[in-house]
Amino acid sequence: MQLEKEKETREAAERCRLLAQRIAEELAPEAAAVLAADEESGALLEKALRRAGIRANPWTAAATAQPELLVVEDPAWVELPAQLAEQVLLVCTDATALSAWAEKLAERGYYRDLQWRSRGRAQQAALFCTVQPSAMGMVRGYEEELDILRDRMVRAERTCGEEAALIERLRSDLSLSRSHEKQLEQTLNEVTGSTFWKMTWPARYAVSKSRQLWHTFPLFVFLHELRTEGVSGMLSQAFDKFMADLCEAQGVALRDCLANSFCLSADVTAAYDPNFADVYDKRNAAFVNYGVGLCKYTGAGGKSGASDASAEVVGRVRKLLNDNGVFWQMAELGKTDAGGGGTVAKFMAQRNIDTLDAGVPVLSMHAPYETVAKLDCYMTYKTMRVIFEQN
């Protein structure tokens, strides 16, 4: 609450400074009085006027000599004084609050000075004076005001059109995701109702029980690492030999091919689990149902044994996803020195290939009952499709 209060005070002081500077440049009064419903905001404006070289004091009807300018802040909350200055400047955040005071000032013989215009929507302002402008000046001023209103209306209509197009695109994506959901449910029902699924129940039960003993027997950890170690892993020479044969057939050096390649390591990432919140950094963790997770770096104990993607690679992927309506989020594999994990990304990066991890956020990763969101799966599919089509 204290930080929010200080932020509001700074913003109000900045608005008062800009208004005081404009008053000093365009109106140049020697003295001004401030009439405000809030003493704090009135004091800020008085202070800003003094810094701009204008004698400023609170408005008092009993003053012997009235100043040249009366600045009324938030006129909806103050009453019209019996005595007024030669010039009255109304300042508020809501343009509709100016209408009541404008009528009262017109009854007192004040005219709108159309040469003074509001700048921005955050602070509306209108200047009234006792000098009646010429008929041509009033017509020209009101025409310029109408032009400004027409321009704002056109911009608002354009913005509404863009928002409507975005909503229509999101509805189309939602309809497509629901269609995919129905197809997946139909496929799941066909699989679970098949004879093969029923006959393989003992084997599936044995696999489920063996995964519960994952951290008990080192054998399972060794088998888990076969994706990197062994003849079929990324540390073997099979990948390099295969790429070398392809490059040789095309007459391209292998090092040039790898340097101009991009790898998207489509491995899963850890989703924030409130049951084990102490091993996550909530501000940097992925969440279920928030989209595909982009993991800039992996590893454990900080970035030890990690592949850290460059900012340019991450920015390029983010732009592709934004341009194609893909929901994404940044992620990491647990809190520093508490979580950690690895993918094949670091082995691809060792070959001078720009690499980024992107995948589905998973609750209870490597547990018997892993949980993912259908939206995240669909956004991961869209991510892979966009990368393939744009590269």
Protein backbone atom coordinates (compact mmCIF):
# COMPACT_ATOMS: atom_id res chain seq x y z
CA MET A 1 0.00 0.00 0.00
CA GLN A 2 2.82 2.40 0.85
CA LEU A 3 4.52 1.81 -2.51
CA GLU A 4 1.27 2.38 -4.38
CA LYS A 5 0.70 5.63 -2.45
CA GLU A 6 4.19 6.86 -3.29
CA LYS A 7 3.69 5.97 -6.95
CA GLU A 8 0.41 7.90 -7.11
CA THR A 9 2.06 10.91 -5.46
CA ARG A 10 4.90 10.89 -7.99
CA GLU A 11 2.48 10.68 -10.90
CA ALA A 12 0.38 13.55 -9.51
CA ALA A 13 3.50 15.68 -8.99
CA GLU A 14 4.58 15.05 -12.59
CA ARG A 15 1.14 16.07 -13.93
CA CYS A 16 1.27 19.26 -11.85
CA ARG A 17 4.77 20.04 -13.13
CA LEU A 18 3.74 19.71 -16.78
CA LEU A 19 0.60 21.80 -16.22
CA ALA A 20 2.53 24.55 -14.39
CA GLN A 21 5.16 24.64 -17.13
CA ARG A 22 2.48 25.03 -19.78
CA ILE A 23 0.70 27.79 -17.83
CA ALA A 24 3.98 29.69 -17.51
CA GLU A 25 4.77 29.36 -21.22
CA GLU A 26 1.33 30.08 -22.73
CA LEU A 27 -0.46 32.30 -20.20
CA ALA A 28 2.50 33.80 -18.29
CA PRO A 29 0.55 35.18 -15.31
CA GLU A 30 2.40 36.94 -12.53
CA ALA A 31 0.17 35.42 -9.86
CA ALA A 32 -2.30 32.53 -9.71
CA ALA A 33 -4.65 31.06 -7.15
CA VAL A 34 -5.45 27.36 -6.75
CA LEU A 35 -8.89 26.05 -5.78
CA ALA A 36 -8.89 22.29 -5.10
CA ALA A 37 -11.09 19.90 -3.16
CA ASP A 38 -8.04 17.94 -2.01
CA GLU A 39 -5.50 19.94 -0.02
CA GLU A 40 -2.66 17.58 -0.93
CA SER A 41 -3.22 17.88 -4.70
CA GLY A 42 -3.70 21.62 -4.36
CA ALA A 43 -0.40 21.93 -2.49
CA LEU A 44 1.39 19.97 -5.24
CA LEU A 45 0.03 22.30 -7.92
CA GLU A 46 0.95 25.42 -5.91
CA LYS A 47 4.48 24.10 -5.46
CA ALA A 48 4.80 23.37 -9.19
CA LEU A 49 3.56 26.88 -10.10
CA ARG A 50 6.09 28.48 -7.78
CA ARG A 51 8.88 26.48 -9.34
CA ALA A 52 7.71 27.73 -12.75
CA GLY A 53 8.13 31.34 -11.57
CA ILE A 54 4.48 32.13 -10.72
CA ARG A 55 3.30 33.42 -7.37
CA ALA A 56 0.76 30.82 -6.28
CA ASN A 57 -1.45 30.70 -3.20
CA PRO A 58 -4.69 28.97 -2.19
CA TRP A 59 -7.86 30.73 -3.36
CA THR A 60 -9.51 32.97 -0.76
CA ALA A 61 -12.56 35.16 -1.42
CA ALA A 62 -11.39 37.68 1.18
CA ALA A 63 -8.20 38.56 -0.71
CA THR A 64 -7.77 42.28 -1.35
CA ALA A 65 -6.38 41.82 -4.88
CA GLN A 66 -7.54 38.88 -6.95
CA PRO A 67 -4.87 37.19 -9.11
CA GLU A 68 -4.90 37.09 -12.88
CA LEU A 69 -5.58 33.34 -13.04
CA LEU A 70 -7.70 30.96 -11.01
CA VAL A 71 -6.84 27.27 -11.43
CA VAL A 72 -9.71 24.99 -10.37
CA GLU A 73 -8.71 21.35 -9.88
CA ASP A 74 -11.48 18.72 -9.99
CA PRO A 75 -14.36 21.23 -10.39
CA ALA A 76 -16.96 18.53 -9.75
CA TRP A 77 -16.03 18.57 -6.04
CA VAL A 78 -15.80 22.32 -5.37
CA GLU A 79 -18.32 25.15 -5.49
CA LEU A 80 -18.14 28.18 -7.78
CA PRO A 81 -16.83 31.18 -5.78
CA ALA A 82 -18.69 34.46 -5.74
CA GLN A 83 -15.61 36.36 -6.95
CA LEU A 84 -13.53 35.08 -9.84
CA ALA A 85 -10.29 36.04 -11.56
CA GLU A 86 -10.05 37.39 -15.10
CA GLN A 87 -9.09 33.92 -16.33
CA VAL A 88 -10.39 30.62 -14.97
CA LEU A 89 -8.65 27.36 -15.84
CA LEU A 90 -10.60 24.15 -15.15
CA VAL A 91 -8.50 21.00 -14.73
CA CYS A 92 -9.92 17.51 -14.20
CA THR A 93 -9.56 13.90 -15.29
CA ASP A 94 -13.14 13.59 -16.59
CA ALA A 95 -14.26 15.86 -19.44
CA THR A 96 -17.93 15.53 -18.42
CA ALA A 97 -17.19 17.36 -15.17
CA LEU A 98 -16.43 20.53 -17.14
CA SER A 99 -19.95 20.97 -18.52
CA ALA A 100 -21.63 22.12 -15.26
CA TRP A 101 -18.95 24.71 -14.55
CA ALA A 102 -18.97 25.87 -18.18
CA GLU A 103 -22.69 26.71 -17.93
CA LYS A 104 -22.19 28.60 -14.64
CA LEU A 105 -19.25 30.55 -16.05
CA ALA A 106 -21.24 31.44 -19.15
CA GLU A 107 -23.95 32.89 -16.91
CA ARG A 108 -21.27 35.00 -15.20
CA GLY A 109 -20.08 36.42 -18.54
CA TYR A 110 -17.11 34.12 -19.22
CA TYR A 111 -16.23 32.77 -22.66
CA ARG A 112 -14.32 29.65 -23.66
CA ASP A 113 -10.82 30.34 -24.97
CA LEU A 114 -10.48 27.70 -27.66
CA GLN A 115 -6.80 28.38 -28.22
CA TRP A 116 -6.12 26.46 -25.01
CA ARG A 117 -6.51 22.75 -25.72
CA SER A 118 -6.35 19.62 -23.62
CA ARG A 119 -3.31 17.45 -24.13
CA GLY A 120 -4.06 13.78 -23.63
CA ARG A 121 -6.86 12.01 -21.81
CA ALA A 122 -5.15 11.83 -18.42
CA GLN A 123 -5.77 15.53 -17.72
CA GLN A 124 -8.60 17.52 -19.34
CA ALA A 125 -8.38 21.32 -19.18
CA ALA A 126 -10.47 24.28 -20.39
CA LEU A 127 -9.69 28.01 -20.15
CA PHE A 128 -12.39 30.68 -19.68
CA CYS A 129 -11.90 34.46 -19.79
CA THR A 130 -13.98 37.64 -19.69
CA VAL A 131 -12.86 38.82 -23.13
CA GLN A 132 -15.36 37.81 -25.81
CA PRO A 133 -13.65 36.28 -28.87
CA SER A 134 -14.67 37.16 -32.41
CA ALA A 135 -17.37 35.18 -34.17
CA MET A 136 -14.91 33.82 -36.74
CA GLY A 137 -12.51 32.82 -33.98
CA MET A 138 -15.22 30.91 -32.15
CA VAL A 139 -16.33 29.13 -35.32
CA ARG A 140 -12.76 28.20 -36.20
CA GLY A 141 -12.09 26.97 -32.67
CA TYR A 142 -15.20 24.80 -32.53
CA GLU A 143 -14.40 23.36 -35.97
CA GLU A 144 -10.95 22.38 -34.75
CA GLU A 145 -12.51 20.78 -31.67
CA LEU A 146 -14.85 18.80 -33.91
CA ASP A 147 -11.92 17.69 -36.05
CA ILE A 148 -10.18 16.41 -32.93
CA LEU A 149 -13.30 14.54 -31.86
CA ARG A 150 -13.70 13.03 -35.34
CA ASP A 151 -10.08 11.87 -35.31
CA ARG A 152 -10.57 10.27 -31.89
CA MET A 153 -13.73 8.56 -33.12
CA VAL A 154 -11.92 7.15 -36.16
CA ARG A 155 -9.11 5.85 -33.95
CA ALA A 156 -11.60 4.31 -31.55
CA GLU A 157 -13.45 2.58 -34.41
CA ARG A 158 -10.16 1.30 -35.80
CA THR A 159 -9.17 -0.03 -32.38
CA CYS A 160 -12.59 -1.69 -31.98
CA GLY A 161 -12.15 -3.32 -35.37
CA GLU A 162 -8.74 -4.69 -34.44
CA GLU A 163 -10.08 -5.99 -31.13
CA ALA A 164 -13.02 -7.62 -32.92
CA ALA A 165 -10.62 -9.31 -35.37
CA LEU A 166 -8.50 -10.56 -32.47
CA ILE A 167 -11.57 -11.90 -30.66
CA GLU A 168 -12.72 -13.65 -33.83
CA ARG A 169 -9.30 -15.24 -34.25
CA LEU A 170 -9.31 -16.41 -30.63
CA ARG A 171 -12.79 -17.85 -31.11
CA SER A 172 -11.56 -19.71 -34.18
CA ASP A 173 -8.60 -21.09 -32.20
CA LEU A 174 -10.93 -22.09 -29.38
CA SER A 175 -13.28 -23.84 -31.79
CA LEU A 176 -10.34 -25.66 -33.36
CA SER A 177 -9.02 -26.70 -29.95
CA ARG A 178 -12.45 -28.05 -29.02
CA SER A 179 -12.53 -30.01 -32.25
CA HIS A 180 -9.09 -31.45 -31.44
CA GLU A 181 -10.32 -32.24 -27.94
CA LYS A 182 -13.25 -34.23 -29.32
CA GLN A 183 -10.95 -36.09 -31.71
CA LEU A 184 -8.54 -36.92 -28.89
CA GLU A 185 -11.39 -38.14 -26.67
CA GLN A 186 -12.72 -40.28 -29.50
CA THR A 187 -9.25 -41.74 -30.13
CA LEU A 188 -8.76 -42.34 -26.41
CA ASN A 189 -12.09 -44.16 -26.17
CA GLU A 190 -11.18 -46.30 -29.15
CA VAL A 191 -7.80 -47.19 -27.63
CA THR A 192 -9.08 -47.92 -24.12
CA GLY A 193 -11.94 -49.97 -25.52
CA SER A 194 -9.74 -52.09 -27.79
CA THR A 195 -8.82 -55.69 -27.11
CA PHE A 196 -5.10 -54.86 -27.23
CA TRP A 197 -5.46 -52.34 -24.38
CA LYS A 198 -7.28 -54.86 -22.23
CA MET A 199 -4.77 -57.65 -22.96
CA THR A 200 -1.74 -55.48 -22.13
CA TRP A 201 -3.04 -54.41 -18.71
CA PRO A 202 -0.58 -56.60 -16.72
CA ALA A 203 2.42 -55.14 -18.58
CA ARG A 204 1.18 -51.56 -18.10
CA TYR A 205 0.64 -52.21 -14.41
CA ALA A 206 4.21 -53.50 -14.07
CA VAL A 207 5.60 -50.41 -15.81
CA SER A 208 3.56 -48.14 -13.53
CA LYS A 209 4.90 -49.85 -10.43
CA SER A 210 8.48 -49.79 -11.72
CA ARG A 211 8.31 -46.01 -12.22
CA GLN A 212 7.50 -45.62 -8.53
CA LEU A 213 10.91 -47.20 -7.83
CA TRP A 214 12.65 -44.73 -10.14
CA HIS A 215 14.99 -43.32 -7.52
CA THR A 216 15.51 -46.64 -5.75
CA PHE A 217 17.36 -48.63 -8.42
CA PRO A 218 20.17 -46.94 -10.37
CA LEU A 219 19.31 -49.16 -13.35
CA PHE A 220 16.25 -47.04 -14.15
CA VAL A 221 18.32 -43.85 -13.99
CA PHE A 222 20.80 -45.41 -16.41
CA LEU A 223 18.03 -46.40 -18.80
CA HIS A 224 16.62 -42.87 -18.57
CA GLU A 225 19.94 -41.46 -19.76
CA LEU A 226 19.99 -43.59 -22.93
CA ARG A 227 18.55 -40.60 -24.81
CA THR A 228 22.00 -38.95 -24.45
CA GLU A 229 24.37 -41.86 -23.86
CA GLY A 230 24.75 -44.90 -26.04
CA VAL A 231 24.68 -45.47 -29.78
CA SER A 232 21.23 -43.87 -30.17
CA GLY A 233 21.89 -40.86 -27.93
CA MET A 234 22.92 -37.34 -28.86
CA LEU A 235 26.50 -37.92 -27.66
CA SER A 236 27.04 -40.68 -30.25
CA GLN A 237 28.62 -40.07 -33.66
CA ALA A 238 25.48 -41.22 -35.46
CA PHE A 239 23.99 -37.73 -35.69
CA ASP A 240 27.24 -36.10 -36.85
CA LYS A 241 27.86 -38.79 -39.46
CA PHE A 242 24.30 -38.54 -40.75
CA MET A 243 24.54 -34.73 -41.07
CA ALA A 244 27.98 -34.97 -42.67
CA ASP A 245 26.62 -37.33 -45.34
CA LEU A 246 23.73 -34.96 -46.07
CA CYS A 247 26.02 -31.92 -46.31
CA GLU A 248 28.53 -33.78 -48.50
CA ALA A 249 25.75 -34.75 -50.92
CA GLN A 250 24.72 -31.08 -51.16
CA GLY A 251 28.27 -29.73 -51.40
CA VAL A 252 28.02 -27.81 -48.12
CA ALA A 253 30.50 -27.82 -45.25
CA LEU A 254 29.12 -29.44 -42.09
CA ARG A 255 30.29 -26.56 -39.87
CA ASP A 256 28.43 -24.02 -42.07
CA CYS A 257 25.27 -26.13 -41.96
CA LEU A 258 25.34 -26.39 -38.17
CA ALA A 259 26.14 -22.67 -37.70
CA ASN A 260 23.08 -21.72 -39.80
CA SER A 261 20.73 -24.22 -38.14
CA PHE A 262 18.17 -23.79 -35.39
CA CYS A 263 17.08 -26.46 -32.92
CA LEU A 264 13.92 -26.45 -30.86
CA SER A 265 14.41 -29.01 -28.10
CA ALA A 266 10.85 -30.22 -27.64
CA ASP A 267 11.19 -31.52 -24.10
CA VAL A 268 8.70 -30.93 -21.31
CA THR A 269 9.25 -28.37 -18.56
CA ALA A 270 8.27 -28.30 -14.91
CA ALA A 271 4.91 -26.69 -14.03
CA TYR A 272 4.49 -24.87 -10.73
CA ASP A 273 3.17 -27.25 -8.08
CA PRO A 274 1.68 -25.53 -4.99
CA ASN A 275 2.14 -28.74 -2.99
CA PHE A 276 5.92 -28.33 -3.37
CA ALA A 277 6.15 -24.56 -3.69
CA ASP A 278 9.50 -24.35 -1.85
CA VAL A 279 11.39 -25.82 -4.85
CA TYR A 280 9.93 -23.38 -7.38
CA ASP A 281 10.48 -19.72 -8.14
CA LYS A 282 6.88 -18.67 -8.63
CA ARG A 283 7.73 -15.60 -10.73
CA ASN A 284 9.81 -17.62 -13.20
CA ALA A 285 7.98 -20.96 -13.22
CA ALA A 286 5.54 -22.19 -15.85
CA PHE A 287 1.87 -22.69 -14.97
CA VAL A 288 -0.65 -25.20 -16.25
CA ASN A 289 -3.09 -23.82 -18.86
CA TYR A 290 -0.90 -20.80 -19.66
CA GLY A 291 0.56 -22.06 -22.96
CA VAL A 292 3.78 -23.65 -24.19
CA GLY A 293 6.77 -23.17 -21.88
CA LEU A 294 9.97 -21.62 -23.28
CA CYS A 295 12.93 -22.64 -21.14
CA LYS A 296 15.89 -20.32 -21.83
CA TYR A 297 18.31 -22.38 -19.79
CA THR A 298 18.35 -25.71 -17.96
CA GLY A 299 20.81 -27.36 -15.61
CA ALA A 300 21.17 -27.60 -11.85
CA GLY A 301 22.84 -25.48 -9.19
CA GLY A 302 22.32 -22.29 -11.21
CA LYS A 303 23.31 -22.89 -14.83
CA SER A 304 25.74 -25.73 -14.26
CA GLY A 305 25.60 -28.17 -17.15
CA ALA A 306 23.11 -25.93 -18.93
CA SER A 307 22.35 -24.73 -22.40
CA ASP A 308 21.62 -20.99 -22.23
CA ALA A 309 19.87 -19.71 -25.35
CA SER A 310 20.82 -16.24 -26.56
CA ALA A 311 18.43 -13.30 -26.17
CA GLU A 312 18.22 -12.97 -29.96
CA VAL A 313 17.03 -16.58 -30.36
CA VAL A 314 14.43 -16.19 -27.60
CA GLY A 315 13.22 -12.88 -29.07
CA ARG A 316 12.87 -14.39 -32.55
CA VAL A 317 10.83 -17.33 -31.26
CA ARG A 318 8.63 -15.05 -29.14
CA LYS A 319 7.90 -12.84 -32.15
CA LEU A 320 6.94 -15.86 -34.26
CA LEU A 321 4.57 -17.07 -31.55
CA ASN A 322 3.03 -13.62 -31.02
CA ASP A 323 2.50 -13.12 -34.75
CA ASN A 324 0.70 -16.45 -35.03
CA GLY A 325 -1.51 -16.24 -31.93
CA VAL A 326 0.33 -18.85 -29.85
CA PHE A 327 0.07 -18.58 -26.06
CA TRP A 328 3.52 -18.94 -24.48
CA GLN A 329 5.23 -18.44 -21.13
CA MET A 330 8.80 -18.44 -19.86
CA ALA A 331 9.80 -21.34 -17.64
CA GLU A 332 12.63 -22.89 -15.69
CA LEU A 333 13.22 -26.28 -14.13
CA GLY A 334 12.75 -25.35 -10.49
CA LYS A 335 14.36 -22.80 -8.18
CA THR A 336 18.12 -22.23 -8.26
CA ASP A 337 20.00 -24.70 -6.05
CA ALA A 338 16.72 -26.49 -5.33
CA GLY A 339 15.42 -27.80 -8.66
CA GLY A 340 17.15 -28.64 -11.89
CA GLY A 341 17.16 -30.93 -14.86
CA GLY A 342 18.61 -31.34 -18.31
CA THR A 343 17.66 -31.93 -21.92
CA VAL A 344 19.56 -32.67 -25.12
CA ALA A 345 19.72 -28.91 -25.82
CA LYS A 346 23.25 -28.55 -24.43
CA PHE A 347 24.55 -31.28 -26.77
CA MET A 348 23.06 -29.49 -29.76
CA ALA A 349 24.47 -26.16 -28.57
CA GLN A 350 27.95 -27.75 -28.36
CA ARG A 351 27.71 -28.23 -32.13
CA ASN A 352 27.27 -24.44 -32.63
CA ILE A 353 23.52 -24.75 -33.21
CA ASP A 354 21.19 -22.08 -31.81
CA THR A 355 19.00 -24.11 -29.43
CA LEU A 356 15.97 -23.35 -27.27
CA ASP A 357 13.91 -25.66 -25.06
CA ALA A 358 10.14 -25.48 -25.62
CA GLY A 359 7.55 -27.91 -24.39
CA VAL A 360 4.48 -28.72 -22.35
CA PRO A 361 4.50 -27.74 -18.64
CA VAL A 362 4.04 -30.93 -16.59
CA LEU A 363 2.87 -31.44 -13.03
CA SER A 364 4.61 -34.30 -11.20
CA MET A 365 7.15 -34.92 -13.95
CA HIS A 366 8.43 -38.54 -14.06
CA ALA A 367 5.82 -39.58 -11.49
CA PRO A 368 3.28 -42.36 -12.10
CA TYR A 369 0.53 -39.78 -12.61
CA GLU A 370 1.84 -36.90 -14.69
CA THR A 371 -0.65 -34.11 -15.43
CA VAL A 372 -0.73 -31.70 -18.38
CA ALA A 373 -3.30 -29.28 -19.80
CA LYS A 374 -4.95 -29.77 -23.19
CA LEU A 375 -4.46 -26.08 -23.98
CA ASP A 376 -0.70 -26.38 -23.36
CA CYS A 377 -0.51 -29.45 -25.60
CA TYR A 378 -2.34 -27.65 -28.38
CA MET A 379 -0.16 -24.55 -28.06
CA THR A 380 2.95 -26.76 -28.18
CA TYR A 381 1.62 -28.30 -31.40
CA LYS A 382 1.04 -24.82 -32.83
CA THR A 383 4.56 -23.81 -31.77
CA MET A 384 6.17 -26.73 -33.62
CA ARG A 385 4.03 -26.05 -36.67
CA VAL A 386 4.96 -22.37 -36.76
CA ILE A 387 8.69 -23.15 -36.38
CA PHE A 388 8.57 -25.71 -39.19
CA GLU A 389 6.66 -23.37 -41.51
CA GLN A 390 8.83 -20.32 -40.84
CA ASN A 391 12.23 -22.05 -41.06
